[in-house]
Amino acid sequence: MRQRGLSMIEILVTLTIVAFGLLGLLGLQARALSFQKDSFDRKAAAELVAQLAERMRANHLGFLAGSYATTFEAATATPGAVTTCAAPCTSAQVAARDLDEWRIELRRRIPTGGAYIAWDPANPSWVTVSIAWAEPQAAGNDAVCDALVGGGAVIPANYRCYQTRVFP
């Protein structure tokens, strides 16, 4: 008994299985790239917070006076001039210069980002630094961003946030 066309059906079934496997791999690759970008943004946010913490440690009097506290600022505006002062600079002037330089770095590293620095005069030993950036794939803000919005910050939808406390 002769069978014709059986190998052709087997080849079509095999190609279909391989095609679905490749589509699955492409989906995994796209997801991995998304996670890689999120990881890169979180790393940049952590490094920016560490830079700000060092600036606060270097100007402890400005920190104790609350000169580093600021509201949420979108980093989409063009950087302005860095605050200058005639020697000797006051701690408030140094803090203003530090924040200007830090904002420029924030705009350079996370172009769609913004920052919120909360300082409590009743407990001046630490500040809470929050950095947010656009995450177009997100369905909405994450829990950290939602908490910031509940605290009075204005954060657009589809943002991710990184928050930490700094004890200079």
N, C-alpha and C. Protein backbone atom coordinates (compact mmCIF):
# COMPACT_ATOMS: atom_id res chain seq x y z
N MET A 1 0.84 -1.16 0.00
CA MET A 1 0.00 0.00 0.00
C MET A 1 0.89 1.24 0.00
N ARG A 2 0.63 2.14 -0.90
CA ARG A 2 1.44 3.35 -1.05
C ARG A 2 0.73 4.53 -0.43
N GLN A 3 1.49 5.33 0.36
CA GLN A 3 0.93 6.54 0.96
C GLN A 3 1.64 7.73 0.38
N ARG A 4 0.86 8.68 -0.08
CA ARG A 4 1.45 9.89 -0.65
C ARG A 4 1.03 11.09 0.19
N GLY A 5 1.96 12.07 0.34
CA GLY A 5 1.66 13.33 1.02
C GLY A 5 1.76 13.28 2.54
N LEU A 6 2.06 12.15 3.11
CA LEU A 6 2.15 12.05 4.56
C LEU A 6 3.32 12.86 5.10
N SER A 7 4.44 12.84 4.43
CA SER A 7 5.59 13.62 4.89
C SER A 7 5.33 15.12 4.78
N MET A 8 4.52 15.56 3.83
CA MET A 8 4.19 16.97 3.68
C MET A 8 3.38 17.46 4.89
N ILE A 9 2.45 16.67 5.37
CA ILE A 9 1.66 17.03 6.55
C ILE A 9 2.55 17.09 7.78
N GLU A 10 3.44 16.15 7.90
CA GLU A 10 4.36 16.15 9.04
C GLU A 10 5.24 17.40 9.02
N ILE A 11 5.68 17.82 7.86
CA ILE A 11 6.50 19.03 7.75
C ILE A 11 5.70 20.27 8.13
N LEU A 12 4.44 20.37 7.68
CA LEU A 12 3.59 21.51 8.03
C LEU A 12 3.33 21.58 9.53
N VAL A 13 3.08 20.45 10.15
CA VAL A 13 2.86 20.43 11.61
C VAL A 13 4.13 20.86 12.33
N THR A 14 5.26 20.37 11.88
CA THR A 14 6.54 20.75 12.49
C THR A 14 6.80 22.24 12.34
N LEU A 15 6.55 22.79 11.16
CA LEU A 15 6.75 24.22 10.94
C LEU A 15 5.82 25.06 11.82
N THR A 16 4.60 24.61 12.02
CA THR A 16 3.66 25.33 12.88
C THR A 16 4.17 25.34 14.32
N ILE A 17 4.64 24.20 14.79
CA ILE A 17 5.17 24.12 16.16
C ILE A 17 6.39 25.02 16.31
N VAL A 18 7.28 24.99 15.36
CA VAL A 18 8.47 25.84 15.40
C VAL A 18 8.09 27.31 15.37
N ALA A 19 7.10 27.68 14.54
CA ALA A 19 6.67 29.08 14.44
C ALA A 19 6.13 29.57 15.78
N PHE A 20 5.30 28.76 16.44
CA PHE A 20 4.78 29.15 17.75
C PHE A 20 5.90 29.27 18.78
N GLY A 21 6.86 28.38 18.71
CA GLY A 21 8.01 28.47 19.61
C GLY A 21 8.80 29.74 19.41
N LEU A 22 9.03 30.12 18.16
CA LEU A 22 9.77 31.36 17.87
C LEU A 22 8.99 32.59 18.31
N LEU A 23 7.66 32.58 18.11
CA LEU A 23 6.84 33.71 18.59
C LEU A 23 6.93 33.84 20.11
N GLY A 24 6.94 32.72 20.79
CA GLY A 24 7.10 32.75 22.25
C GLY A 24 8.44 33.32 22.66
N LEU A 25 9.49 32.94 21.95
CA LEU A 25 10.82 33.47 22.26
C LEU A 25 10.89 34.97 21.99
N LEU A 26 10.24 35.43 20.92
CA LEU A 26 10.22 36.87 20.64
C LEU A 26 9.49 37.64 21.75
N GLY A 27 8.40 37.07 22.24
CA GLY A 27 7.69 37.69 23.35
C GLY A 27 8.54 37.77 24.61
N LEU A 28 9.26 36.71 24.89
CA LEU A 28 10.17 36.71 26.04
C LEU A 28 11.27 37.75 25.89
N GLN A 29 11.79 37.88 24.69
CA GLN A 29 12.84 38.87 24.43
C GLN A 29 12.32 40.29 24.65
N ALA A 30 11.13 40.57 24.16
CA ALA A 30 10.54 41.90 24.35
C ALA A 30 10.31 42.18 25.83
N ARG A 31 9.84 41.20 26.56
CA ARG A 31 9.61 41.36 28.00
C ARG A 31 10.93 41.58 28.73
N ALA A 32 11.96 40.85 28.34
CA ALA A 32 13.27 41.01 28.97
C ALA A 32 13.82 42.41 28.73
N LEU A 33 13.63 42.95 27.54
CA LEU A 33 14.08 44.32 27.27
C LEU A 33 13.34 45.33 28.13
N SER A 34 12.06 45.11 28.34
CA SER A 34 11.28 46.00 29.19
C SER A 34 11.80 45.96 30.63
N PHE A 35 12.07 44.76 31.14
CA PHE A 35 12.61 44.63 32.49
C PHE A 35 14.01 45.24 32.59
N GLN A 36 14.79 45.12 31.53
CA GLN A 36 16.13 45.68 31.52
C GLN A 36 16.07 47.20 31.61
N LYS A 37 15.15 47.84 30.89
CA LYS A 37 15.01 49.29 30.95
C LYS A 37 14.57 49.73 32.34
N ASP A 38 13.61 49.00 32.92
CA ASP A 38 13.16 49.32 34.27
C ASP A 38 14.30 49.20 35.27
N SER A 39 15.11 48.17 35.13
CA SER A 39 16.27 47.98 36.00
C SER A 39 17.28 49.13 35.83
N PHE A 40 17.49 49.54 34.60
CA PHE A 40 18.41 50.65 34.33
C PHE A 40 17.91 51.93 34.97
N ASP A 41 16.59 52.21 34.87
CA ASP A 41 16.03 53.41 35.48
C ASP A 41 16.12 53.36 37.00
N ARG A 42 15.87 52.21 37.59
CA ARG A 42 15.99 52.07 39.05
C ARG A 42 17.44 52.27 39.51
N LYS A 43 18.38 51.75 38.74
CA LYS A 43 19.79 51.93 39.07
C LYS A 43 20.17 53.40 39.00
N ALA A 44 19.72 54.09 37.95
CA ALA A 44 20.01 55.52 37.81
C ALA A 44 19.39 56.30 38.97
N ALA A 45 18.18 55.96 39.37
CA ALA A 45 17.53 56.64 40.49
C ALA A 45 18.31 56.42 41.79
N ALA A 46 18.75 55.20 42.02
CA ALA A 46 19.53 54.92 43.24
C ALA A 46 20.85 55.69 43.24
N GLU A 47 21.50 55.78 42.10
CA GLU A 47 22.75 56.53 42.02
C GLU A 47 22.51 58.02 42.24
N LEU A 48 21.40 58.55 41.70
CA LEU A 48 21.09 59.97 41.90
C LEU A 48 20.81 60.27 43.37
N VAL A 49 20.10 59.38 44.03
CA VAL A 49 19.84 59.57 45.47
C VAL A 49 21.15 59.54 46.25
N ALA A 50 22.04 58.64 45.90
CA ALA A 50 23.34 58.57 46.59
C ALA A 50 24.14 59.86 46.38
N GLN A 51 24.09 60.42 45.18
CA GLN A 51 24.78 61.69 44.92
C GLN A 51 24.20 62.81 45.78
N LEU A 52 22.85 62.86 45.85
CA LEU A 52 22.21 63.89 46.66
C LEU A 52 22.55 63.72 48.14
N ALA A 53 22.59 62.47 48.60
CA ALA A 53 22.93 62.21 50.00
C ALA A 53 24.34 62.72 50.32
N GLU A 54 25.27 62.51 49.41
CA GLU A 54 26.63 63.01 49.62
C GLU A 54 26.66 64.54 49.66
N ARG A 55 25.88 65.18 48.82
CA ARG A 55 25.80 66.64 48.84
C ARG A 55 25.23 67.13 50.18
N MET A 56 24.22 66.43 50.68
CA MET A 56 23.63 66.81 51.97
C MET A 56 24.62 66.59 53.11
N ARG A 57 25.39 65.51 53.04
CA ARG A 57 26.39 65.26 54.08
C ARG A 57 27.46 66.34 54.09
N ALA A 58 27.81 66.80 52.91
CA ALA A 58 28.84 67.84 52.82
C ALA A 58 28.33 69.19 53.30
N ASN A 59 27.04 69.42 53.25
CA ASN A 59 26.44 70.69 53.69
C ASN A 59 25.40 70.38 54.77
N HIS A 60 25.87 69.89 55.90
CA HIS A 60 24.96 69.43 56.95
C HIS A 60 24.13 70.58 57.53
N LEU A 61 24.69 71.78 57.62
CA LEU A 61 23.91 72.90 58.13
C LEU A 61 22.75 73.24 57.20
N GLY A 62 22.97 73.17 55.90
CA GLY A 62 21.89 73.38 54.94
C GLY A 62 20.83 72.30 55.04
N PHE A 63 21.27 71.08 55.29
CA PHE A 63 20.33 69.99 55.47
C PHE A 63 19.47 70.21 56.71
N LEU A 64 20.10 70.58 57.83
CA LEU A 64 19.36 70.79 59.07
C LEU A 64 18.38 71.95 58.96
N ALA A 65 18.68 72.92 58.10
CA ALA A 65 17.79 74.07 57.91
C ALA A 65 16.65 73.76 56.94
N GLY A 66 16.67 72.59 56.32
CA GLY A 66 15.61 72.21 55.38
C GLY A 66 15.78 72.80 54.00
N SER A 67 16.98 73.23 53.66
CA SER A 67 17.22 73.86 52.38
C SER A 67 17.14 72.90 51.20
N TYR A 68 17.15 71.61 51.46
CA TYR A 68 17.11 70.62 50.37
C TYR A 68 15.70 70.13 50.06
N ALA A 69 14.72 70.49 50.87
CA ALA A 69 13.35 70.04 50.63
C ALA A 69 12.79 70.71 49.37
N THR A 70 12.10 69.93 48.56
CA THR A 70 11.52 70.45 47.32
C THR A 70 10.27 69.65 46.98
N THR A 71 9.46 70.21 46.12
CA THR A 71 8.26 69.50 45.68
C THR A 71 8.58 68.70 44.43
N PHE A 72 7.62 67.93 43.96
CA PHE A 72 7.84 67.11 42.76
C PHE A 72 8.08 68.03 41.57
N GLU A 73 9.14 67.74 40.86
CA GLU A 73 9.50 68.53 39.69
C GLU A 73 9.69 67.61 38.51
N ALA A 74 8.96 67.86 37.46
CA ALA A 74 9.19 67.10 36.24
C ALA A 74 10.50 67.57 35.65
N ALA A 75 11.25 66.65 35.12
CA ALA A 75 12.58 66.96 34.60
C ALA A 75 12.55 67.25 33.10
N THR A 76 11.39 67.69 32.60
CA THR A 76 11.30 67.93 31.17
C THR A 76 11.72 69.34 30.79
N ALA A 77 11.74 70.25 31.72
CA ALA A 77 12.15 71.62 31.41
C ALA A 77 13.66 71.66 31.17
N THR A 78 14.09 72.65 30.44
CA THR A 78 15.52 72.78 30.19
C THR A 78 16.21 73.26 31.45
N PRO A 79 17.38 72.76 31.72
CA PRO A 79 18.09 73.15 32.94
C PRO A 79 18.41 74.65 32.92
N GLY A 80 18.20 75.27 34.05
CA GLY A 80 18.53 76.68 34.18
C GLY A 80 19.97 76.84 34.61
N ALA A 81 20.32 78.08 34.88
CA ALA A 81 21.67 78.36 35.34
C ALA A 81 21.86 77.86 36.76
N VAL A 82 23.04 77.45 37.07
CA VAL A 82 23.36 76.98 38.41
C VAL A 82 23.53 78.20 39.31
N THR A 83 22.94 78.14 40.49
CA THR A 83 23.03 79.23 41.45
C THR A 83 24.49 79.44 41.85
N THR A 84 24.91 80.69 41.84
CA THR A 84 26.27 81.03 42.26
C THR A 84 26.20 81.93 43.48
N CYS A 85 27.30 82.04 44.16
CA CYS A 85 27.36 82.93 45.31
C CYS A 85 28.78 83.46 45.45
N ALA A 86 28.88 84.61 46.10
CA ALA A 86 30.20 85.17 46.37
C ALA A 86 30.71 84.55 47.65
N ALA A 87 32.00 84.28 47.69
CA ALA A 87 32.59 83.66 48.88
C ALA A 87 32.52 84.63 50.05
N PRO A 88 32.22 84.20 51.20
CA PRO A 88 31.85 82.84 51.60
C PRO A 88 30.36 82.60 51.33
N CYS A 89 30.04 81.44 50.86
CA CYS A 89 28.66 81.05 50.57
C CYS A 89 27.96 80.62 51.86
N THR A 90 26.69 80.94 51.96
CA THR A 90 25.90 80.45 53.09
C THR A 90 25.49 79.01 52.81
N SER A 91 25.05 78.33 53.85
CA SER A 91 24.63 76.94 53.67
C SER A 91 23.40 76.85 52.76
N ALA A 92 22.53 77.85 52.80
CA ALA A 92 21.35 77.87 51.93
C ALA A 92 21.77 78.06 50.47
N GLN A 93 22.77 78.88 50.22
CA GLN A 93 23.25 79.08 48.85
C GLN A 93 23.93 77.82 48.32
N VAL A 94 24.68 77.15 49.17
CA VAL A 94 25.32 75.89 48.76
C VAL A 94 24.24 74.85 48.44
N ALA A 95 23.19 74.79 49.27
CA ALA A 95 22.09 73.85 49.02
C ALA A 95 21.39 74.17 47.71
N ALA A 96 21.16 75.45 47.42
CA ALA A 96 20.52 75.84 46.16
C ALA A 96 21.39 75.43 44.97
N ARG A 97 22.70 75.64 45.09
CA ARG A 97 23.61 75.23 44.01
C ARG A 97 23.62 73.71 43.86
N ASP A 98 23.66 72.99 44.99
CA ASP A 98 23.63 71.53 44.95
C ASP A 98 22.37 71.02 44.25
N LEU A 99 21.22 71.60 44.61
CA LEU A 99 19.96 71.16 43.99
C LEU A 99 19.92 71.48 42.50
N ASP A 100 20.44 72.64 42.11
CA ASP A 100 20.49 72.99 40.68
C ASP A 100 21.33 71.98 39.90
N GLU A 101 22.51 71.69 40.42
CA GLU A 101 23.40 70.72 39.75
C GLU A 101 22.78 69.32 39.73
N TRP A 102 22.12 68.96 40.82
CA TRP A 102 21.49 67.65 40.91
C TRP A 102 20.32 67.53 39.94
N ARG A 103 19.53 68.60 39.81
CA ARG A 103 18.42 68.59 38.85
C ARG A 103 18.92 68.43 37.42
N ILE A 104 20.02 69.09 37.10
CA ILE A 104 20.61 68.96 35.76
C ILE A 104 21.01 67.50 35.52
N GLU A 105 21.62 66.88 36.52
CA GLU A 105 22.01 65.47 36.40
C GLU A 105 20.78 64.57 36.28
N LEU A 106 19.72 64.89 37.03
CA LEU A 106 18.47 64.13 36.94
C LEU A 106 17.90 64.22 35.52
N ARG A 107 17.90 65.40 34.95
CA ARG A 107 17.37 65.57 33.59
C ARG A 107 18.23 64.84 32.57
N ARG A 108 19.52 64.78 32.83
CA ARG A 108 20.42 64.09 31.89
C ARG A 108 20.26 62.57 31.99
N ARG A 109 20.15 62.05 33.20
CA ARG A 109 20.11 60.60 33.40
C ARG A 109 18.72 60.00 33.19
N ILE A 110 17.68 60.72 33.64
CA ILE A 110 16.30 60.24 33.52
C ILE A 110 15.49 61.37 32.89
N PRO A 111 15.49 61.47 31.58
CA PRO A 111 14.86 62.62 30.91
C PRO A 111 13.38 62.81 31.23
N THR A 112 12.64 61.73 31.49
CA THR A 112 11.21 61.87 31.78
C THR A 112 10.94 61.86 33.28
N GLY A 113 11.98 61.99 34.09
CA GLY A 113 11.84 61.83 35.53
C GLY A 113 11.53 63.11 36.26
N GLY A 114 11.33 62.96 37.54
CA GLY A 114 11.09 64.07 38.43
C GLY A 114 11.48 63.67 39.83
N ALA A 115 11.55 64.63 40.74
CA ALA A 115 12.00 64.34 42.10
C ALA A 115 11.12 65.03 43.13
N TYR A 116 11.04 64.43 44.30
CA TYR A 116 10.29 64.96 45.43
C TYR A 116 11.12 64.67 46.67
N ILE A 117 11.49 65.72 47.38
CA ILE A 117 12.31 65.57 48.58
C ILE A 117 11.51 66.09 49.76
N ALA A 118 11.12 65.20 50.65
CA ALA A 118 10.30 65.57 51.81
C ALA A 118 11.17 65.62 53.05
N TRP A 119 11.10 66.75 53.75
CA TRP A 119 11.86 66.95 54.98
C TRP A 119 10.88 67.36 56.06
N ASP A 120 10.95 66.72 57.20
CA ASP A 120 10.05 67.01 58.31
C ASP A 120 10.82 67.80 59.37
N PRO A 121 10.48 69.09 59.57
CA PRO A 121 11.20 69.88 60.58
C PRO A 121 11.09 69.30 61.99
N ALA A 122 10.02 68.54 62.26
CA ALA A 122 9.87 67.94 63.58
C ALA A 122 10.85 66.78 63.78
N ASN A 123 11.30 66.18 62.68
CA ASN A 123 12.27 65.09 62.74
C ASN A 123 13.34 65.36 61.69
N PRO A 124 14.27 66.28 62.00
CA PRO A 124 15.23 66.72 60.97
C PRO A 124 16.42 65.80 60.74
N SER A 125 16.35 64.55 61.21
CA SER A 125 17.51 63.68 61.05
C SER A 125 17.52 62.96 59.70
N TRP A 126 16.45 63.04 58.91
CA TRP A 126 16.40 62.36 57.63
C TRP A 126 15.46 63.06 56.67
N VAL A 127 15.61 62.76 55.39
CA VAL A 127 14.68 63.20 54.36
C VAL A 127 14.26 61.98 53.55
N THR A 128 13.10 62.07 52.96
CA THR A 128 12.63 61.02 52.06
C THR A 128 12.80 61.54 50.64
N VAL A 129 13.58 60.84 49.84
CA VAL A 129 13.83 61.24 48.46
C VAL A 129 13.08 60.27 47.55
N SER A 130 12.26 60.83 46.67
CA SER A 130 11.50 60.03 45.72
C SER A 130 11.84 60.50 44.32
N ILE A 131 12.08 59.55 43.44
CA ILE A 131 12.33 59.86 42.03
C ILE A 131 11.33 59.06 41.21
N ALA A 132 10.68 59.73 40.27
CA ALA A 132 9.68 59.08 39.41
C ALA A 132 10.10 59.25 37.96
N TRP A 133 9.74 58.27 37.14
CA TRP A 133 10.04 58.34 35.71
C TRP A 133 8.90 57.68 34.94
N ALA A 134 8.74 58.10 33.70
CA ALA A 134 7.68 57.57 32.86
C ALA A 134 7.95 56.12 32.51
N GLU A 135 6.91 55.32 32.59
CA GLU A 135 6.98 53.91 32.21
C GLU A 135 5.78 53.64 31.31
N PRO A 136 5.93 53.84 29.99
CA PRO A 136 4.79 53.77 29.08
C PRO A 136 4.05 52.43 29.12
N GLN A 137 4.74 51.33 29.44
CA GLN A 137 4.08 50.03 29.45
C GLN A 137 3.24 49.82 30.71
N ALA A 138 3.38 50.69 31.69
CA ALA A 138 2.67 50.50 32.96
C ALA A 138 1.18 50.79 32.77
N ALA A 139 0.36 50.04 33.50
CA ALA A 139 -1.09 50.24 33.44
C ALA A 139 -1.52 51.44 34.28
N GLY A 140 -0.69 51.87 35.20
CA GLY A 140 -0.97 52.99 36.09
C GLY A 140 0.26 53.20 36.95
N ASN A 141 0.16 54.11 37.90
CA ASN A 141 1.28 54.34 38.80
C ASN A 141 1.46 53.15 39.73
N ASP A 142 2.70 52.94 40.21
CA ASP A 142 2.93 51.88 41.17
C ASP A 142 2.54 52.35 42.57
N ALA A 143 2.66 51.48 43.55
CA ALA A 143 2.21 51.79 44.91
C ALA A 143 2.99 52.95 45.53
N VAL A 144 4.28 53.05 45.23
CA VAL A 144 5.09 54.15 45.78
C VAL A 144 4.59 55.47 45.22
N CYS A 145 4.33 55.52 43.92
CA CYS A 145 3.80 56.75 43.31
C CYS A 145 2.43 57.09 43.88
N ASP A 146 1.59 56.08 44.06
CA ASP A 146 0.26 56.33 44.62
C ASP A 146 0.36 56.93 46.02
N ALA A 147 1.31 56.46 46.82
CA ALA A 147 1.51 57.02 48.16
C ALA A 147 1.97 58.46 48.08
N LEU A 148 2.82 58.78 47.12
CA LEU A 148 3.28 60.16 46.96
C LEU A 148 2.13 61.07 46.56
N VAL A 149 1.28 60.59 45.64
CA VAL A 149 0.12 61.37 45.23
C VAL A 149 -0.79 61.60 46.42
N GLY A 150 -0.97 60.58 47.26
CA GLY A 150 -1.76 60.72 48.47
C GLY A 150 -1.17 61.73 49.43
N GLY A 151 0.15 61.93 49.36
CA GLY A 151 0.82 62.90 50.21
C GLY A 151 0.87 64.30 49.62
N GLY A 152 0.28 64.49 48.45
CA GLY A 152 0.21 65.83 47.86
C GLY A 152 1.06 66.04 46.63
N ALA A 153 1.86 65.07 46.23
CA ALA A 153 2.67 65.22 45.03
C ALA A 153 1.79 65.04 43.80
N VAL A 154 2.12 65.75 42.74
CA VAL A 154 1.40 65.62 41.49
C VAL A 154 2.27 64.80 40.54
N ILE A 155 1.85 63.57 40.29
CA ILE A 155 2.62 62.66 39.43
C ILE A 155 1.70 62.20 38.31
N PRO A 156 2.13 62.36 37.06
CA PRO A 156 1.29 61.90 35.95
C PRO A 156 1.07 60.39 36.00
N ALA A 157 0.10 59.93 35.24
CA ALA A 157 -0.20 58.50 35.19
C ALA A 157 0.94 57.75 34.49
N ASN A 158 1.02 56.46 34.74
CA ASN A 158 2.00 55.56 34.13
C ASN A 158 3.44 55.92 34.50
N TYR A 159 3.66 56.21 35.75
CA TYR A 159 5.01 56.48 36.24
C TYR A 159 5.41 55.40 37.22
N ARG A 160 6.70 55.16 37.33
CA ARG A 160 7.29 54.29 38.32
C ARG A 160 8.05 55.19 39.30
N CYS A 161 8.11 54.78 40.54
CA CYS A 161 8.79 55.60 41.54
C CYS A 161 9.79 54.77 42.35
N TYR A 162 10.86 55.45 42.74
CA TYR A 162 11.87 54.89 43.62
C TYR A 162 11.93 55.82 44.82
N GLN A 163 11.83 55.26 46.01
CA GLN A 163 11.80 56.09 47.21
C GLN A 163 12.73 55.50 48.26
N THR A 164 13.46 56.38 48.94
CA THR A 164 14.33 55.93 50.01
C THR A 164 14.51 57.07 51.01
N ARG A 165 14.95 56.72 52.18
CA ARG A 165 15.27 57.73 53.20
C ARG A 165 16.77 57.93 53.23
N VAL A 166 17.14 59.18 53.43
CA VAL A 166 18.55 59.55 53.50
C VAL A 166 18.82 60.11 54.89
N PHE A 167 19.84 59.59 55.54
CA PHE A 167 20.24 60.05 56.87
C PHE A 167 21.64 60.64 56.76
N PRO A 168 21.75 61.92 56.39
CA PRO A 168 23.10 62.49 56.22
C PRO A 168 23.84 62.64 57.54
